[in-house]
Amino acid sequence: MSRLKDLIREAPVHERRLTFKTYPLENDQVIVEGWLRDERLVTGFHWNGQSRPQGVVHWMCVRLLVGEWPLSILDAEAEMPGVPHELCPTTLESVKKIINIDIVSGYSDEIKKRLGGVKGCAHLTHLILAMGPAALHGYWAQRSRKKRPVPRSMEEISGLSLLINSCRLWREDGPMMQMIRETMEEKHLAP
């Protein structure tokens, strides 16, 4: 039984969609493309009493060129096909401030430090914060296209330090780490 789900009786009034795609490049680099789309699903009113129609409120994209290790943002660009105010595009160049940030522990804090508040756009910042983990997953998906030998030590597993203690399953003494240890032991001790 879901207590909150049972309270929903009407159609939604707003929908936010985040979409991420990763495109492979040469030299162990990828482009991660993130889209944010806010849609008002009902008509309403502006603060000044004027009618506010339903439809797209925010529709924007950020593209990050990422590579190297630790995974780093090598370049960044943004576009805004749909925004609520004509001045919104004046924030597009703010994404250049994130070039050379490593996608490691502390990534979110560094993004907020460089783009948060009046330093950028709240919606671009939200999108870029969510793009960090998406970039890691996309990068790993690209790297996994080539079969590699089973590592002999934990240090040989690139990015493992980002997973350890990132959730209950990946805790240091948890099931995922145990499975990795057992697999390495099995592969390297077998005749």
N, C-alpha and C. Protein backbone atom coordinates (compact mmCIF):
# COMPACT_ATOMS: atom_id res chain seq x y z
N MET A 1 0.84 -1.18 0.00
CA MET A 1 0.00 0.00 0.00
C MET A 1 0.88 1.24 0.00
N SER A 2 0.54 2.21 -0.82
CA SER A 2 1.29 3.45 -0.92
C SER A 2 0.45 4.60 -0.40
N ARG A 3 0.82 5.12 0.73
CA ARG A 3 0.05 6.18 1.37
C ARG A 3 -0.01 7.45 0.52
N LEU A 4 1.12 7.89 -0.02
CA LEU A 4 1.13 9.12 -0.81
C LEU A 4 0.51 8.92 -2.19
N LYS A 5 0.81 7.80 -2.82
CA LYS A 5 0.24 7.52 -4.15
C LYS A 5 -1.28 7.54 -4.09
N ASP A 6 -1.84 7.04 -3.01
CA ASP A 6 -3.30 6.99 -2.87
C ASP A 6 -3.94 8.37 -2.74
N LEU A 7 -3.15 9.39 -2.38
CA LEU A 7 -3.67 10.74 -2.25
C LEU A 7 -3.84 11.45 -3.60
N ILE A 8 -3.20 10.95 -4.64
CA ILE A 8 -3.26 11.60 -5.96
C ILE A 8 -4.63 11.34 -6.58
N ARG A 9 -5.33 12.42 -6.86
CA ARG A 9 -6.69 12.31 -7.40
C ARG A 9 -6.85 13.08 -8.72
N GLU A 10 -5.92 14.00 -9.01
CA GLU A 10 -6.05 14.82 -10.21
C GLU A 10 -4.86 14.61 -11.13
N ALA A 11 -5.00 15.09 -12.35
CA ALA A 11 -3.90 15.05 -13.32
C ALA A 11 -2.79 16.00 -12.86
N PRO A 12 -1.55 15.76 -13.26
CA PRO A 12 -0.46 16.64 -12.84
C PRO A 12 -0.60 18.04 -13.42
N VAL A 13 0.00 19.02 -12.74
CA VAL A 13 -0.03 20.41 -13.19
C VAL A 13 1.31 20.84 -13.80
N HIS A 14 2.36 20.06 -13.53
CA HIS A 14 3.70 20.41 -14.01
C HIS A 14 4.50 19.14 -14.23
N GLU A 15 5.38 19.18 -15.23
CA GLU A 15 6.27 18.04 -15.48
C GLU A 15 7.66 18.55 -15.83
N ARG A 16 8.67 18.01 -15.17
CA ARG A 16 10.07 18.30 -15.51
C ARG A 16 10.69 17.00 -16.00
N ARG A 17 11.33 17.08 -17.17
CA ARG A 17 12.03 15.93 -17.71
C ARG A 17 13.50 16.27 -17.87
N LEU A 18 14.34 15.37 -17.40
CA LEU A 18 15.78 15.46 -17.63
C LEU A 18 16.15 14.26 -18.49
N THR A 19 16.89 14.52 -19.56
CA THR A 19 17.32 13.47 -20.46
C THR A 19 18.81 13.60 -20.70
N PHE A 20 19.52 12.48 -20.67
CA PHE A 20 20.97 12.49 -20.87
C PHE A 20 21.34 11.45 -21.91
N LYS A 21 22.22 11.82 -22.82
CA LYS A 21 22.77 10.89 -23.80
C LYS A 21 24.27 11.11 -23.88
N THR A 22 25.00 10.02 -24.06
CA THR A 22 26.45 10.09 -24.16
C THR A 22 26.87 9.59 -25.53
N TYR A 23 27.70 10.37 -26.21
CA TYR A 23 28.17 10.06 -27.56
C TYR A 23 29.68 9.80 -27.53
N PRO A 24 30.11 8.67 -28.12
CA PRO A 24 31.54 8.35 -28.08
C PRO A 24 32.34 9.21 -29.06
N LEU A 25 33.56 9.53 -28.64
CA LEU A 25 34.53 10.20 -29.49
C LEU A 25 35.82 9.38 -29.44
N GLU A 26 36.83 9.84 -30.12
CA GLU A 26 38.13 9.18 -30.05
C GLU A 26 38.87 9.62 -28.79
N ASN A 27 39.99 9.00 -28.53
CA ASN A 27 40.88 9.38 -27.42
C ASN A 27 40.23 9.25 -26.05
N ASP A 28 39.36 8.25 -25.86
CA ASP A 28 38.70 8.05 -24.57
C ASP A 28 37.93 9.28 -24.10
N GLN A 29 37.32 9.98 -25.03
CA GLN A 29 36.49 11.13 -24.70
C GLN A 29 35.05 10.85 -25.13
N VAL A 30 34.12 11.53 -24.48
CA VAL A 30 32.71 11.44 -24.85
C VAL A 30 32.09 12.83 -24.75
N ILE A 31 31.00 13.00 -25.46
CA ILE A 31 30.18 14.20 -25.27
C ILE A 31 28.92 13.75 -24.55
N VAL A 32 28.63 14.40 -23.44
CA VAL A 32 27.42 14.13 -22.68
C VAL A 32 26.47 15.29 -22.95
N GLU A 33 25.29 14.95 -23.43
CA GLU A 33 24.28 15.95 -23.75
C GLU A 33 23.13 15.80 -22.77
N GLY A 34 22.81 16.89 -22.09
CA GLY A 34 21.71 16.88 -21.13
C GLY A 34 20.65 17.88 -21.53
N TRP A 35 19.39 17.46 -21.43
CA TRP A 35 18.26 18.33 -21.74
C TRP A 35 17.36 18.45 -20.52
N LEU A 36 16.91 19.65 -20.24
CA LEU A 36 15.92 19.92 -19.20
C LEU A 36 14.71 20.52 -19.88
N ARG A 37 13.54 19.97 -19.58
CA ARG A 37 12.30 20.51 -20.15
C ARG A 37 11.24 20.58 -19.06
N ASP A 38 10.82 21.80 -18.78
CA ASP A 38 9.72 22.06 -17.84
C ASP A 38 8.48 22.37 -18.65
N GLU A 39 7.39 21.72 -18.31
CA GLU A 39 6.14 22.00 -19.01
C GLU A 39 5.02 22.24 -18.00
N ARG A 40 4.36 23.38 -18.16
CA ARG A 40 3.20 23.69 -17.35
C ARG A 40 2.02 23.00 -18.03
N LEU A 41 1.32 22.16 -17.28
CA LEU A 41 0.25 21.34 -17.86
C LEU A 41 -1.13 21.93 -17.67
N VAL A 42 -1.20 23.11 -17.04
CA VAL A 42 -2.48 23.80 -16.81
C VAL A 42 -2.29 25.29 -17.10
N THR A 43 -3.37 25.97 -17.37
CA THR A 43 -3.29 27.42 -17.50
C THR A 43 -3.28 28.02 -16.09
N GLY A 44 -2.74 29.22 -15.99
CA GLY A 44 -2.65 29.88 -14.69
C GLY A 44 -2.51 31.37 -14.90
N PHE A 45 -1.91 32.04 -13.93
CA PHE A 45 -1.77 33.49 -13.99
C PHE A 45 -0.37 33.90 -13.56
N HIS A 46 0.18 34.91 -14.21
CA HIS A 46 1.45 35.52 -13.82
C HIS A 46 1.24 36.29 -12.52
N TRP A 47 2.31 36.72 -11.91
CA TRP A 47 2.26 37.50 -10.67
C TRP A 47 1.45 38.78 -10.84
N ASN A 48 1.40 39.30 -12.10
CA ASN A 48 0.69 40.56 -12.35
C ASN A 48 -0.76 40.36 -12.77
N GLY A 49 -1.23 39.11 -12.67
CA GLY A 49 -2.63 38.83 -12.98
C GLY A 49 -2.89 38.46 -14.43
N GLN A 50 -1.90 38.59 -15.31
CA GLN A 50 -2.10 38.22 -16.71
C GLN A 50 -2.17 36.70 -16.85
N SER A 51 -2.95 36.28 -17.81
CA SER A 51 -3.12 34.85 -18.06
C SER A 51 -1.79 34.21 -18.45
N ARG A 52 -1.57 33.00 -17.96
CA ARG A 52 -0.34 32.26 -18.27
C ARG A 52 -0.77 30.93 -18.89
N PRO A 53 -0.51 30.74 -20.18
CA PRO A 53 -0.99 29.52 -20.84
C PRO A 53 -0.17 28.29 -20.45
N GLN A 54 -0.76 27.14 -20.67
CA GLN A 54 0.02 25.91 -20.47
C GLN A 54 1.04 25.79 -21.60
N GLY A 55 2.05 24.98 -21.40
CA GLY A 55 3.06 24.78 -22.42
C GLY A 55 4.47 24.75 -21.83
N VAL A 56 5.45 24.73 -22.72
CA VAL A 56 6.84 24.65 -22.31
C VAL A 56 7.26 25.94 -21.62
N VAL A 57 7.89 25.80 -20.46
CA VAL A 57 8.40 26.95 -19.72
C VAL A 57 9.92 27.04 -19.91
N HIS A 58 10.60 25.95 -19.68
CA HIS A 58 12.05 25.88 -19.86
C HIS A 58 12.37 24.70 -20.77
N TRP A 59 13.23 24.96 -21.74
CA TRP A 59 13.71 23.89 -22.61
C TRP A 59 15.14 24.27 -22.92
N MET A 60 16.09 23.55 -22.33
CA MET A 60 17.49 23.93 -22.48
C MET A 60 18.39 22.70 -22.52
N CYS A 61 19.57 22.92 -23.06
CA CYS A 61 20.53 21.83 -23.27
C CYS A 61 21.92 22.27 -22.82
N VAL A 62 22.65 21.33 -22.25
CA VAL A 62 24.07 21.51 -21.95
C VAL A 62 24.82 20.34 -22.57
N ARG A 63 25.92 20.64 -23.24
CA ARG A 63 26.80 19.60 -23.77
C ARG A 63 28.16 19.73 -23.10
N LEU A 64 28.65 18.60 -22.59
CA LEU A 64 29.95 18.55 -21.95
C LEU A 64 30.87 17.61 -22.71
N LEU A 65 32.07 18.08 -23.02
CA LEU A 65 33.12 17.20 -23.54
C LEU A 65 33.88 16.72 -22.32
N VAL A 66 33.88 15.41 -22.09
CA VAL A 66 34.57 14.87 -20.92
C VAL A 66 35.57 13.80 -21.34
N GLY A 67 36.64 13.69 -20.57
CA GLY A 67 37.66 12.70 -20.83
C GLY A 67 38.72 12.75 -19.76
N GLU A 68 39.82 12.07 -20.03
CA GLU A 68 40.96 11.96 -19.11
C GLU A 68 40.54 11.20 -17.86
N TRP A 69 41.48 11.00 -16.93
CA TRP A 69 41.13 10.38 -15.66
C TRP A 69 41.93 11.02 -14.56
N PRO A 70 41.33 11.53 -13.49
CA PRO A 70 39.90 11.42 -13.25
C PRO A 70 39.11 12.16 -14.32
N LEU A 71 37.91 11.68 -14.54
CA LEU A 71 37.06 12.24 -15.59
C LEU A 71 36.91 13.74 -15.37
N SER A 72 37.16 14.51 -16.42
CA SER A 72 37.19 15.96 -16.31
C SER A 72 36.36 16.60 -17.42
N ILE A 73 35.77 17.76 -17.12
CA ILE A 73 35.04 18.53 -18.13
C ILE A 73 36.07 19.32 -18.92
N LEU A 74 36.20 18.99 -20.20
CA LEU A 74 37.19 19.61 -21.07
C LEU A 74 36.63 20.80 -21.83
N ASP A 75 35.32 20.80 -22.05
CA ASP A 75 34.65 21.91 -22.72
C ASP A 75 33.17 21.84 -22.38
N ALA A 76 32.47 22.95 -22.56
CA ALA A 76 31.04 23.00 -22.23
C ALA A 76 30.35 24.05 -23.09
N GLU A 77 29.11 23.76 -23.46
CA GLU A 77 28.29 24.73 -24.18
C GLU A 77 26.83 24.52 -23.78
N ALA A 78 26.02 25.54 -24.00
CA ALA A 78 24.60 25.46 -23.66
C ALA A 78 23.77 26.14 -24.73
N GLU A 79 22.51 25.73 -24.80
CA GLU A 79 21.54 26.39 -25.67
C GLU A 79 20.19 26.39 -24.98
N MET A 80 19.36 27.35 -25.37
CA MET A 80 18.04 27.50 -24.76
C MET A 80 16.98 27.70 -25.86
N PRO A 81 16.46 26.60 -26.41
CA PRO A 81 15.41 26.75 -27.43
C PRO A 81 14.10 27.32 -26.89
N GLY A 82 13.85 27.18 -25.59
CA GLY A 82 12.61 27.70 -25.03
C GLY A 82 12.82 28.17 -23.60
N VAL A 83 12.58 29.44 -23.34
CA VAL A 83 12.75 30.00 -21.99
C VAL A 83 11.64 31.02 -21.73
N PRO A 84 11.37 31.30 -20.46
CA PRO A 84 10.26 32.19 -20.14
C PRO A 84 10.58 33.68 -20.30
N HIS A 85 11.86 34.03 -20.39
CA HIS A 85 12.19 35.45 -20.44
C HIS A 85 13.28 35.69 -21.49
N GLU A 86 13.18 36.78 -22.20
CA GLU A 86 14.15 37.10 -23.26
C GLU A 86 15.57 37.29 -22.73
N LEU A 87 15.74 37.56 -21.45
CA LEU A 87 17.08 37.74 -20.88
C LEU A 87 17.74 36.43 -20.46
N CYS A 88 16.98 35.34 -20.40
CA CYS A 88 17.54 34.05 -19.98
C CYS A 88 18.81 33.66 -20.75
N PRO A 89 18.87 33.83 -22.08
CA PRO A 89 20.07 33.44 -22.81
C PRO A 89 21.34 34.20 -22.43
N THR A 90 21.22 35.28 -21.66
CA THR A 90 22.43 35.99 -21.23
C THR A 90 23.25 35.15 -20.25
N THR A 91 22.69 34.05 -19.77
CA THR A 91 23.40 33.17 -18.83
C THR A 91 24.11 32.02 -19.53
N LEU A 92 23.95 31.89 -20.83
CA LEU A 92 24.51 30.74 -21.56
C LEU A 92 26.02 30.58 -21.37
N GLU A 93 26.75 31.65 -21.44
CA GLU A 93 28.21 31.57 -21.34
C GLU A 93 28.71 31.21 -19.95
N SER A 94 27.82 31.26 -18.96
CA SER A 94 28.24 30.90 -17.59
C SER A 94 28.74 29.46 -17.52
N VAL A 95 28.28 28.60 -18.43
CA VAL A 95 28.71 27.19 -18.38
C VAL A 95 30.21 27.03 -18.65
N LYS A 96 30.83 28.03 -19.24
CA LYS A 96 32.29 27.96 -19.48
C LYS A 96 33.06 27.92 -18.15
N LYS A 97 32.43 28.39 -17.07
CA LYS A 97 33.09 28.41 -15.76
C LYS A 97 33.36 27.01 -15.20
N ILE A 98 32.72 25.99 -15.79
CA ILE A 98 32.89 24.64 -15.24
C ILE A 98 33.97 23.83 -15.97
N ILE A 99 34.58 24.42 -17.00
CA ILE A 99 35.66 23.73 -17.72
C ILE A 99 36.79 23.46 -16.73
N ASN A 100 37.33 22.26 -16.81
CA ASN A 100 38.43 21.76 -15.97
C ASN A 100 37.97 21.25 -14.61
N ILE A 101 36.68 21.16 -14.35
CA ILE A 101 36.21 20.53 -13.12
C ILE A 101 36.29 19.01 -13.30
N ASP A 102 36.85 18.33 -12.30
CA ASP A 102 36.87 16.88 -12.30
C ASP A 102 35.55 16.36 -11.74
N ILE A 103 35.07 15.27 -12.32
CA ILE A 103 33.82 14.66 -11.85
C ILE A 103 34.21 13.61 -10.82
N VAL A 104 34.44 14.09 -9.62
CA VAL A 104 34.88 13.28 -8.48
C VAL A 104 34.08 13.74 -7.26
N SER A 105 34.38 13.15 -6.11
CA SER A 105 33.74 13.59 -4.88
C SER A 105 33.95 15.10 -4.73
N GLY A 106 32.88 15.84 -4.45
CA GLY A 106 32.96 17.29 -4.35
C GLY A 106 32.51 18.00 -5.62
N TYR A 107 32.17 17.23 -6.66
CA TYR A 107 31.72 17.80 -7.94
C TYR A 107 30.55 18.77 -7.73
N SER A 108 29.53 18.34 -7.01
CA SER A 108 28.34 19.18 -6.82
C SER A 108 28.67 20.48 -6.11
N ASP A 109 29.52 20.41 -5.10
CA ASP A 109 29.91 21.63 -4.38
C ASP A 109 30.63 22.60 -5.31
N GLU A 110 31.51 22.07 -6.16
CA GLU A 110 32.27 22.93 -7.07
C GLU A 110 31.36 23.56 -8.12
N ILE A 111 30.39 22.80 -8.63
CA ILE A 111 29.43 23.35 -9.60
C ILE A 111 28.64 24.49 -8.95
N LYS A 112 28.15 24.26 -7.74
CA LYS A 112 27.37 25.30 -7.05
C LYS A 112 28.23 26.53 -6.77
N LYS A 113 29.49 26.33 -6.43
CA LYS A 113 30.40 27.44 -6.15
C LYS A 113 30.60 28.31 -7.40
N ARG A 114 30.69 27.67 -8.55
CA ARG A 114 30.97 28.42 -9.79
C ARG A 114 29.71 28.95 -10.48
N LEU A 115 28.58 28.25 -10.34
CA LEU A 115 27.38 28.62 -11.09
C LEU A 115 26.19 29.00 -10.23
N GLY A 116 26.26 28.74 -8.93
CA GLY A 116 25.11 28.92 -8.06
C GLY A 116 24.68 30.37 -7.90
N GLY A 117 23.42 30.53 -7.55
CA GLY A 117 22.87 31.86 -7.28
C GLY A 117 23.01 32.79 -8.47
N VAL A 118 23.48 34.00 -8.23
CA VAL A 118 23.56 35.02 -9.27
C VAL A 118 24.71 34.79 -10.26
N LYS A 119 25.49 33.73 -10.06
CA LYS A 119 26.62 33.45 -10.97
C LYS A 119 26.18 32.74 -12.24
N GLY A 120 24.94 32.28 -12.31
CA GLY A 120 24.49 31.55 -13.50
C GLY A 120 22.98 31.44 -13.52
N CYS A 121 22.50 30.38 -14.12
CA CYS A 121 21.07 30.10 -14.25
C CYS A 121 20.74 28.89 -13.37
N ALA A 122 19.72 29.00 -12.55
CA ALA A 122 19.34 27.92 -11.64
C ALA A 122 19.02 26.64 -12.40
N HIS A 123 18.39 26.77 -13.57
CA HIS A 123 18.00 25.58 -14.32
C HIS A 123 19.20 24.92 -15.00
N LEU A 124 20.12 25.72 -15.55
CA LEU A 124 21.35 25.14 -16.11
C LEU A 124 22.16 24.47 -15.01
N THR A 125 22.23 25.11 -13.85
CA THR A 125 22.97 24.54 -12.73
C THR A 125 22.38 23.20 -12.31
N HIS A 126 21.07 23.14 -12.19
CA HIS A 126 20.39 21.89 -11.83
C HIS A 126 20.72 20.80 -12.85
N LEU A 127 20.67 21.15 -14.11
CA LEU A 127 20.97 20.18 -15.18
C LEU A 127 22.41 19.69 -15.08
N ILE A 128 23.34 20.60 -14.88
CA ILE A 128 24.76 20.23 -14.81
C ILE A 128 25.05 19.38 -13.58
N LEU A 129 24.39 19.66 -12.47
CA LEU A 129 24.56 18.83 -11.27
C LEU A 129 24.15 17.38 -11.56
N ALA A 130 23.04 17.22 -12.26
CA ALA A 130 22.57 15.87 -12.59
C ALA A 130 23.43 15.21 -13.67
N MET A 131 24.15 16.00 -14.44
CA MET A 131 24.97 15.45 -15.52
C MET A 131 26.24 14.77 -15.02
N GLY A 132 26.70 15.08 -13.81
CA GLY A 132 27.91 14.46 -13.29
C GLY A 132 27.82 12.95 -13.27
N PRO A 133 26.85 12.38 -12.54
CA PRO A 133 26.71 10.92 -12.54
C PRO A 133 26.40 10.35 -13.93
N ALA A 134 25.61 11.08 -14.71
CA ALA A 134 25.29 10.61 -16.07
C ALA A 134 26.56 10.54 -16.92
N ALA A 135 27.46 11.51 -16.74
CA ALA A 135 28.74 11.50 -17.49
C ALA A 135 29.57 10.29 -17.11
N LEU A 136 29.63 9.97 -15.83
CA LEU A 136 30.38 8.79 -15.39
C LEU A 136 29.80 7.52 -16.00
N HIS A 137 28.49 7.37 -15.94
CA HIS A 137 27.87 6.17 -16.49
C HIS A 137 28.07 6.07 -18.00
N GLY A 138 27.94 7.20 -18.69
CA GLY A 138 28.16 7.19 -20.14
C GLY A 138 29.60 6.86 -20.49
N TYR A 139 30.54 7.43 -19.75
CA TYR A 139 31.96 7.17 -19.97
C TYR A 139 32.25 5.69 -19.74
N TRP A 140 31.74 5.14 -18.64
CA TRP A 140 31.95 3.72 -18.35
C TRP A 140 31.30 2.84 -19.41
N ALA A 141 30.12 3.23 -19.90
CA ALA A 141 29.46 2.45 -20.96
C ALA A 141 30.34 2.42 -22.21
N GLN A 142 30.93 3.55 -22.55
CA GLN A 142 31.81 3.61 -23.72
C GLN A 142 33.05 2.74 -23.50
N ARG A 143 33.67 2.86 -22.33
CA ARG A 143 34.88 2.06 -22.04
C ARG A 143 34.58 0.56 -21.99
N SER A 144 33.36 0.20 -21.58
CA SER A 144 33.01 -1.22 -21.45
C SER A 144 32.80 -1.90 -22.80
N ARG A 145 32.87 -1.16 -23.87
CA ARG A 145 32.70 -1.76 -25.19
C ARG A 145 33.89 -2.65 -25.55
N LYS A 146 35.04 -2.44 -24.88
CA LYS A 146 36.23 -3.27 -25.09
C LYS A 146 36.39 -4.19 -23.89
N LYS A 147 36.57 -5.48 -24.17
CA LYS A 147 36.80 -6.43 -23.08
C LYS A 147 38.19 -6.20 -22.51
N ARG A 148 38.29 -6.18 -21.21
CA ARG A 148 39.56 -5.99 -20.52
C ARG A 148 39.77 -7.15 -19.56
N PRO A 149 41.02 -7.42 -19.21
CA PRO A 149 41.27 -8.50 -18.25
C PRO A 149 40.74 -8.13 -16.87
N VAL A 150 40.42 -9.17 -16.08
CA VAL A 150 39.96 -8.94 -14.72
C VAL A 150 41.11 -8.31 -13.94
N PRO A 151 40.86 -7.20 -13.26
CA PRO A 151 41.93 -6.53 -12.51
C PRO A 151 42.51 -7.43 -11.42
N ARG A 152 43.76 -7.18 -11.09
CA ARG A 152 44.42 -7.93 -10.02
C ARG A 152 44.28 -7.24 -8.67
N SER A 153 43.93 -5.95 -8.69
CA SER A 153 43.77 -5.21 -7.44
C SER A 153 42.65 -4.18 -7.60
N MET A 154 42.17 -3.72 -6.47
CA MET A 154 41.12 -2.70 -6.48
C MET A 154 41.61 -1.41 -7.15
N GLU A 155 42.88 -1.11 -7.01
CA GLU A 155 43.44 0.12 -7.58
C GLU A 155 43.37 0.13 -9.11
N GLU A 156 43.29 -1.04 -9.72
CA GLU A 156 43.24 -1.13 -11.19
C GLU A 156 41.83 -0.84 -11.74
N ILE A 157 40.84 -0.75 -10.88
CA ILE A 157 39.46 -0.53 -11.35
C ILE A 157 39.22 0.98 -11.37
N SER A 158 39.28 1.56 -12.56
CA SER A 158 39.12 3.01 -12.65
C SER A 158 37.70 3.41 -12.24
N GLY A 159 37.63 4.40 -11.40
CA GLY A 159 36.34 4.91 -10.95
C GLY A 159 35.76 4.19 -9.75
N LEU A 160 36.41 3.13 -9.28
CA LEU A 160 35.86 2.41 -8.13
C LEU A 160 35.76 3.32 -6.91
N SER A 161 36.72 4.21 -6.75
CA SER A 161 36.69 5.11 -5.59
C SER A 161 35.44 5.99 -5.59
N LEU A 162 34.86 6.23 -6.76
CA LEU A 162 33.63 7.03 -6.84
C LEU A 162 32.40 6.22 -6.43
N LEU A 163 32.51 4.90 -6.51
CA LEU A 163 31.38 4.05 -6.16
C LEU A 163 31.38 3.66 -4.68
N ILE A 164 32.59 3.47 -4.13
CA ILE A 164 32.69 3.03 -2.74
C ILE A 164 32.00 4.05 -1.82
N ASN A 165 31.09 3.53 -1.02
CA ASN A 165 30.30 4.31 -0.06
C ASN A 165 29.35 5.31 -0.72
N SER A 166 29.05 5.11 -2.01
CA SER A 166 28.09 5.99 -2.68
C SER A 166 26.65 5.59 -2.40
N CYS A 167 26.44 4.36 -1.95
CA CYS A 167 25.11 3.90 -1.54
C CYS A 167 25.28 2.66 -0.67
N ARG A 168 24.19 2.17 -0.15
CA ARG A 168 24.23 1.02 0.77
C ARG A 168 24.87 -0.20 0.13
N LEU A 169 24.55 -0.50 -1.12
CA LEU A 169 25.11 -1.68 -1.78
C LEU A 169 26.61 -1.54 -2.04
N TRP A 170 27.08 -0.32 -2.23
CA TRP A 170 28.49 -0.08 -2.55
C TRP A 170 29.32 0.31 -1.32
N ARG A 171 28.78 0.08 -0.11
CA ARG A 171 29.57 0.39 1.08
C ARG A 171 30.83 -0.49 1.09
N GLU A 172 31.85 -0.04 1.79
CA GLU A 172 33.15 -0.75 1.80
C GLU A 172 33.02 -2.22 2.13
N ASP A 173 32.14 -2.56 3.05
CA ASP A 173 31.98 -3.96 3.44
C ASP A 173 30.70 -4.57 2.86
N GLY A 174 30.17 -3.94 1.83
CA GLY A 174 28.89 -4.36 1.26
C GLY A 174 29.00 -5.43 0.18
N PRO A 175 27.85 -5.82 -0.35
CA PRO A 175 27.79 -6.93 -1.30
C PRO A 175 28.53 -6.69 -2.63
N MET A 176 28.54 -5.48 -3.12
CA MET A 176 29.21 -5.22 -4.40
C MET A 176 30.73 -5.34 -4.25
N MET A 177 31.26 -4.79 -3.18
CA MET A 177 32.71 -4.88 -2.95
C MET A 177 33.11 -6.33 -2.68
N GLN A 178 32.26 -7.06 -1.97
CA GLN A 178 32.54 -8.47 -1.71
C GLN A 178 32.57 -9.26 -3.01
N MET A 179 31.62 -8.98 -3.91
CA MET A 179 31.58 -9.68 -5.19
C MET A 179 32.84 -9.37 -6.01
N ILE A 180 33.29 -8.14 -6.00
CA ILE A 180 34.51 -7.78 -6.74
C ILE A 180 35.71 -8.52 -6.16
N ARG A 181 35.82 -8.52 -4.84
CA ARG A 181 36.94 -9.24 -4.20
C ARG A 181 36.93 -10.72 -4.56
N GLU A 182 35.77 -11.34 -4.46
CA GLU A 182 35.65 -12.77 -4.75
C GLU A 182 35.96 -13.08 -6.21
N THR A 183 35.50 -12.24 -7.12
CA THR A 183 35.76 -12.46 -8.55
C THR A 183 37.25 -12.34 -8.84
N MET A 184 37.91 -11.34 -8.29
CA MET A 184 39.35 -11.18 -8.52
C MET A 184 40.12 -12.37 -7.94
N GLU A 185 39.72 -12.79 -6.76
CA GLU A 185 40.38 -13.93 -6.13
C GLU A 185 40.22 -15.19 -6.97
N GLU A 186 39.00 -15.44 -7.39
CA GLU A 186 38.68 -16.62 -8.19
C GLU A 186 39.44 -16.64 -9.51
N LYS A 187 39.47 -15.52 -10.21
CA LYS A 187 40.12 -15.44 -11.53
C LYS A 187 41.64 -15.55 -11.43
N HIS A 188 42.21 -15.01 -10.37
CA HIS A 188 43.67 -14.97 -10.30
C HIS A 188 44.29 -16.09 -9.48
N LEU A 189 43.47 -16.84 -8.75
CA LEU A 189 43.99 -17.98 -8.00
C LEU A 189 43.76 -19.30 -8.72
N ALA A 190 42.82 -19.29 -9.67
CA ALA A 190 42.52 -20.53 -10.41
C ALA A 190 43.70 -20.87 -11.33
N PRO A 191 44.03 -22.18 -11.44
CA PRO A 191 45.15 -22.60 -12.30
C PRO A 191 44.86 -22.40 -13.77
